[in-house]
Amino acid sequence: MFQVGDLVTRKSYDNDIVFKIIRIDGDNCFLKGLVVRLFADSPQEDLKIYMDDDKDDFLPEIDGYRSLERNEYFYLPGRILHIDGDITLSKQK
């Protein structure tokens, strides 16, 4: 039914993001977001072919931020989630 390269949405997520099928493995499709940096997988029965006249609800949200100044949306300080280190370097001190 689906082929690599088809544009699809996921029914279980109210067809909110448009994906491109990048690989099919049995009944499972591997997806890459068309507008959003997102990889996902989905069973074929959860997919719907995307038509150009379908609404992509996520795109207007992104466009709205383009008119903001950088300090209007980058207001949280950064956090370090993980530091990878070599224990031999810390013993040399």
N, C-alpha and C. Protein backbone atom coordinates (compact mmCIF):
# COMPACT_ATOMS: atom_id res chain seq x y z
N MET A 1 0.82 -1.19 0.00
CA MET A 1 0.00 0.00 0.00
C MET A 1 0.87 1.26 0.00
N PHE A 2 1.83 1.37 0.92
CA PHE A 2 2.71 2.53 1.00
C PHE A 2 4.05 2.20 0.36
N GLN A 3 4.72 3.26 -0.12
CA GLN A 3 6.03 3.09 -0.73
C GLN A 3 7.00 4.09 -0.12
N VAL A 4 8.29 3.77 -0.18
CA VAL A 4 9.32 4.70 0.27
C VAL A 4 9.18 5.99 -0.55
N GLY A 5 9.19 7.12 0.15
CA GLY A 5 9.04 8.41 -0.51
C GLY A 5 7.65 9.01 -0.38
N ASP A 6 6.65 8.20 0.00
CA ASP A 6 5.30 8.72 0.19
C ASP A 6 5.25 9.71 1.35
N LEU A 7 4.43 10.73 1.23
CA LEU A 7 4.18 11.67 2.32
C LEU A 7 2.95 11.20 3.08
N VAL A 8 3.10 11.08 4.40
CA VAL A 8 2.03 10.53 5.23
C VAL A 8 1.89 11.32 6.53
N THR A 9 0.76 11.09 7.21
CA THR A 9 0.55 11.59 8.57
C THR A 9 0.13 10.41 9.42
N ARG A 10 0.17 10.58 10.75
CA ARG A 10 -0.23 9.50 11.65
C ARG A 10 -1.61 9.80 12.23
N LYS A 11 -2.53 8.87 12.04
CA LYS A 11 -3.91 9.04 12.54
C LYS A 11 -3.94 9.17 14.06
N SER A 12 -3.09 8.39 14.76
CA SER A 12 -3.11 8.39 16.22
C SER A 12 -2.66 9.72 16.82
N TYR A 13 -2.05 10.58 16.02
CA TYR A 13 -1.62 11.91 16.48
C TYR A 13 -2.39 13.01 15.76
N ASP A 14 -3.61 12.69 15.35
CA ASP A 14 -4.51 13.64 14.68
C ASP A 14 -3.87 14.26 13.44
N ASN A 15 -3.04 13.50 12.75
CA ASN A 15 -2.43 13.94 11.49
C ASN A 15 -1.73 15.29 11.62
N ASP A 16 -1.04 15.49 12.75
CA ASP A 16 -0.48 16.81 13.05
C ASP A 16 0.82 17.12 12.33
N ILE A 17 1.61 16.12 11.97
CA ILE A 17 2.90 16.35 11.35
C ILE A 17 3.00 15.53 10.07
N VAL A 18 3.56 16.12 9.03
CA VAL A 18 3.75 15.43 7.76
C VAL A 18 5.12 14.75 7.77
N PHE A 19 5.13 13.47 7.41
CA PHE A 19 6.35 12.67 7.37
C PHE A 19 6.58 12.14 5.96
N LYS A 20 7.82 11.81 5.70
CA LYS A 20 8.19 11.11 4.47
C LYS A 20 8.63 9.72 4.88
N ILE A 21 8.14 8.69 4.21
CA ILE A 21 8.55 7.32 4.51
C ILE A 21 9.96 7.12 3.96
N ILE A 22 10.89 6.75 4.84
CA ILE A 22 12.27 6.55 4.42
C ILE A 22 12.66 5.07 4.35
N ARG A 23 11.87 4.21 5.01
CA ARG A 23 12.15 2.77 4.98
C ARG A 23 10.90 2.02 5.41
N ILE A 24 10.70 0.86 4.83
CA ILE A 24 9.59 -0.01 5.22
C ILE A 24 10.17 -1.36 5.59
N ASP A 25 9.79 -1.84 6.78
CA ASP A 25 10.25 -3.14 7.26
C ASP A 25 9.01 -3.92 7.69
N GLY A 26 8.51 -4.78 6.81
CA GLY A 26 7.29 -5.52 7.09
C GLY A 26 6.11 -4.57 7.13
N ASP A 27 5.42 -4.53 8.28
CA ASP A 27 4.27 -3.64 8.45
C ASP A 27 4.68 -2.30 9.07
N ASN A 28 5.94 -2.17 9.43
CA ASN A 28 6.42 -0.97 10.12
C ASN A 28 7.09 -0.03 9.13
N CYS A 29 6.69 1.26 9.18
CA CYS A 29 7.30 2.29 8.33
C CYS A 29 8.15 3.21 9.19
N PHE A 30 9.31 3.55 8.68
CA PHE A 30 10.20 4.49 9.36
C PHE A 30 10.03 5.84 8.68
N LEU A 31 9.82 6.87 9.50
CA LEU A 31 9.40 8.17 9.01
C LEU A 31 10.38 9.27 9.37
N LYS A 32 10.46 10.26 8.50
CA LYS A 32 11.28 11.45 8.75
C LYS A 32 10.37 12.66 8.58
N GLY A 33 10.36 13.54 9.57
CA GLY A 33 9.53 14.73 9.50
C GLY A 33 9.88 15.60 8.31
N LEU A 34 8.87 16.11 7.63
CA LEU A 34 9.09 16.94 6.46
C LEU A 34 9.41 18.37 6.86
N VAL A 35 8.74 18.90 7.88
CA VAL A 35 8.94 20.28 8.32
C VAL A 35 9.66 20.31 9.67
N VAL A 36 9.46 19.29 10.47
CA VAL A 36 10.00 19.22 11.82
C VAL A 36 11.11 18.17 11.87
N ARG A 37 12.19 18.47 12.61
CA ARG A 37 13.27 17.50 12.77
C ARG A 37 12.81 16.39 13.70
N LEU A 38 12.28 15.34 13.12
CA LEU A 38 11.72 14.26 13.91
C LEU A 38 11.77 12.97 13.12
N PHE A 39 12.24 11.90 13.76
CA PHE A 39 12.18 10.57 13.19
C PHE A 39 11.20 9.76 14.02
N ALA A 40 10.42 8.93 13.36
CA ALA A 40 9.43 8.11 14.07
C ALA A 40 9.24 6.82 13.28
N ASP A 41 8.54 5.90 13.90
CA ASP A 41 8.11 4.72 13.18
C ASP A 41 6.64 4.50 13.48
N SER A 42 5.98 3.78 12.59
CA SER A 42 4.55 3.62 12.74
C SER A 42 4.09 2.38 11.97
N PRO A 43 3.10 1.67 12.51
CA PRO A 43 2.51 0.59 11.71
C PRO A 43 1.74 1.21 10.55
N GLN A 44 1.66 0.50 9.44
CA GLN A 44 1.00 1.03 8.25
C GLN A 44 -0.46 1.39 8.49
N GLU A 45 -1.15 0.65 9.34
CA GLU A 45 -2.58 0.94 9.55
C GLU A 45 -2.81 2.28 10.26
N ASP A 46 -1.76 2.86 10.86
CA ASP A 46 -1.89 4.15 11.53
C ASP A 46 -1.58 5.32 10.58
N LEU A 47 -1.15 5.01 9.36
CA LEU A 47 -0.74 6.06 8.44
C LEU A 47 -1.85 6.46 7.47
N LYS A 48 -1.78 7.71 7.05
CA LYS A 48 -2.71 8.25 6.06
C LYS A 48 -1.88 9.02 5.04
N ILE A 49 -2.15 8.80 3.76
CA ILE A 49 -1.44 9.54 2.71
C ILE A 49 -1.76 11.02 2.86
N TYR A 50 -0.73 11.85 2.80
CA TYR A 50 -0.88 13.30 2.92
C TYR A 50 -1.24 13.89 1.57
N MET A 51 -2.28 14.69 1.55
CA MET A 51 -2.68 15.42 0.36
C MET A 51 -2.31 16.88 0.55
N ASP A 52 -1.95 17.58 -0.51
CA ASP A 52 -1.52 18.98 -0.42
C ASP A 52 -2.55 19.88 0.25
N ASP A 53 -3.82 19.55 0.15
CA ASP A 53 -4.84 20.41 0.74
C ASP A 53 -5.11 20.07 2.21
N ASP A 54 -4.47 19.01 2.74
CA ASP A 54 -4.60 18.69 4.16
C ASP A 54 -3.91 19.76 4.99
N LYS A 55 -4.39 19.96 6.18
CA LYS A 55 -3.82 20.97 7.07
C LYS A 55 -2.66 20.39 7.87
N ASP A 56 -1.55 21.12 7.91
CA ASP A 56 -0.41 20.76 8.75
C ASP A 56 -0.40 21.77 9.89
N ASP A 57 -0.93 21.38 11.04
CA ASP A 57 -1.09 22.30 12.17
C ASP A 57 0.22 22.77 12.76
N PHE A 58 1.29 22.05 12.55
CA PHE A 58 2.54 22.41 13.20
C PHE A 58 3.25 23.58 12.53
N LEU A 59 3.14 23.69 11.23
CA LEU A 59 3.85 24.73 10.49
C LEU A 59 3.49 26.15 10.92
N PRO A 60 2.22 26.51 11.12
CA PRO A 60 1.95 27.89 11.56
C PRO A 60 2.58 28.24 12.90
N GLU A 61 2.71 27.28 13.79
CA GLU A 61 3.36 27.55 15.07
C GLU A 61 4.81 27.94 14.87
N ILE A 62 5.49 27.27 13.98
CA ILE A 62 6.89 27.58 13.72
C ILE A 62 7.01 28.96 13.09
N ASP A 63 6.15 29.25 12.11
CA ASP A 63 6.20 30.54 11.44
C ASP A 63 5.95 31.69 12.40
N GLY A 64 5.12 31.50 13.41
CA GLY A 64 4.83 32.55 14.37
C GLY A 64 6.05 32.98 15.17
N TYR A 65 6.98 32.08 15.41
CA TYR A 65 8.17 32.40 16.19
C TYR A 65 9.19 33.21 15.39
N ARG A 66 9.09 33.19 14.09
CA ARG A 66 10.08 33.90 13.27
C ARG A 66 10.00 35.41 13.47
N SER A 67 8.85 35.91 13.89
CA SER A 67 8.71 37.35 14.06
C SER A 67 9.18 37.81 15.45
N LEU A 68 9.47 36.89 16.34
CA LEU A 68 9.92 37.24 17.68
C LEU A 68 11.41 37.54 17.69
N GLU A 69 11.81 38.39 18.60
CA GLU A 69 13.24 38.63 18.82
C GLU A 69 13.81 37.43 19.58
N ARG A 70 15.09 37.19 19.43
CA ARG A 70 15.72 36.03 20.05
C ARG A 70 15.51 36.00 21.56
N ASN A 71 15.62 37.12 22.24
CA ASN A 71 15.47 37.13 23.69
C ASN A 71 14.03 36.92 24.14
N GLU A 72 13.06 36.90 23.23
CA GLU A 72 11.67 36.67 23.60
C GLU A 72 11.35 35.18 23.76
N TYR A 73 12.17 34.32 23.17
CA TYR A 73 11.89 32.90 23.33
C TYR A 73 13.07 32.10 23.85
N PHE A 74 14.26 32.64 23.91
CA PHE A 74 15.40 31.97 24.53
C PHE A 74 15.61 32.56 25.92
N TYR A 75 14.71 32.31 26.81
CA TYR A 75 14.76 32.92 28.14
C TYR A 75 15.19 31.95 29.23
N LEU A 76 15.33 30.66 28.91
CA LEU A 76 15.74 29.69 29.92
C LEU A 76 17.25 29.47 29.86
N PRO A 77 17.91 29.41 31.00
CA PRO A 77 19.35 29.13 30.97
C PRO A 77 19.60 27.69 30.50
N GLY A 78 20.71 27.48 29.85
CA GLY A 78 21.04 26.14 29.38
C GLY A 78 21.39 25.22 30.54
N ARG A 79 21.19 23.94 30.33
CA ARG A 79 21.54 22.95 31.35
C ARG A 79 22.37 21.86 30.72
N ILE A 80 23.35 21.38 31.44
CA ILE A 80 24.17 20.28 30.98
C ILE A 80 23.51 18.99 31.43
N LEU A 81 23.15 18.16 30.46
CA LEU A 81 22.47 16.92 30.78
C LEU A 81 23.44 15.80 31.11
N HIS A 82 24.60 15.82 30.45
CA HIS A 82 25.56 14.73 30.65
C HIS A 82 26.94 15.20 30.22
N ILE A 83 27.91 14.96 31.03
CA ILE A 83 29.29 15.25 30.65
C ILE A 83 30.01 13.92 30.56
N ASP A 84 30.60 13.68 29.42
CA ASP A 84 31.32 12.43 29.19
C ASP A 84 32.80 12.69 29.42
N GLY A 85 33.41 11.93 30.27
CA GLY A 85 34.82 12.17 30.57
C GLY A 85 35.60 10.88 30.71
N ASP A 86 36.89 11.05 30.75
CA ASP A 86 37.80 9.94 30.91
C ASP A 86 38.35 9.98 32.33
N ILE A 87 38.16 8.91 33.10
CA ILE A 87 38.57 8.90 34.51
C ILE A 87 40.08 9.04 34.65
N THR A 88 40.86 8.63 33.65
CA THR A 88 42.32 8.76 33.75
C THR A 88 42.75 10.21 33.71
N LEU A 89 42.01 11.07 33.02
CA LEU A 89 42.36 12.49 32.99
C LEU A 89 42.10 13.16 34.33
N SER A 90 41.06 12.76 35.02
CA SER A 90 40.75 13.39 36.29
C SER A 90 41.73 12.95 37.37
N LYS A 91 42.35 11.80 37.25
CA LYS A 91 43.33 11.33 38.24
C LYS A 91 44.68 12.02 38.08
N GLN A 92 44.92 12.63 36.91
CA GLN A 92 46.21 13.27 36.67
C GLN A 92 46.36 14.58 37.42
N LYS A 93 45.30 15.16 37.91
CA LYS A 93 45.36 16.47 38.58
C LYS A 93 46.07 16.44 39.88
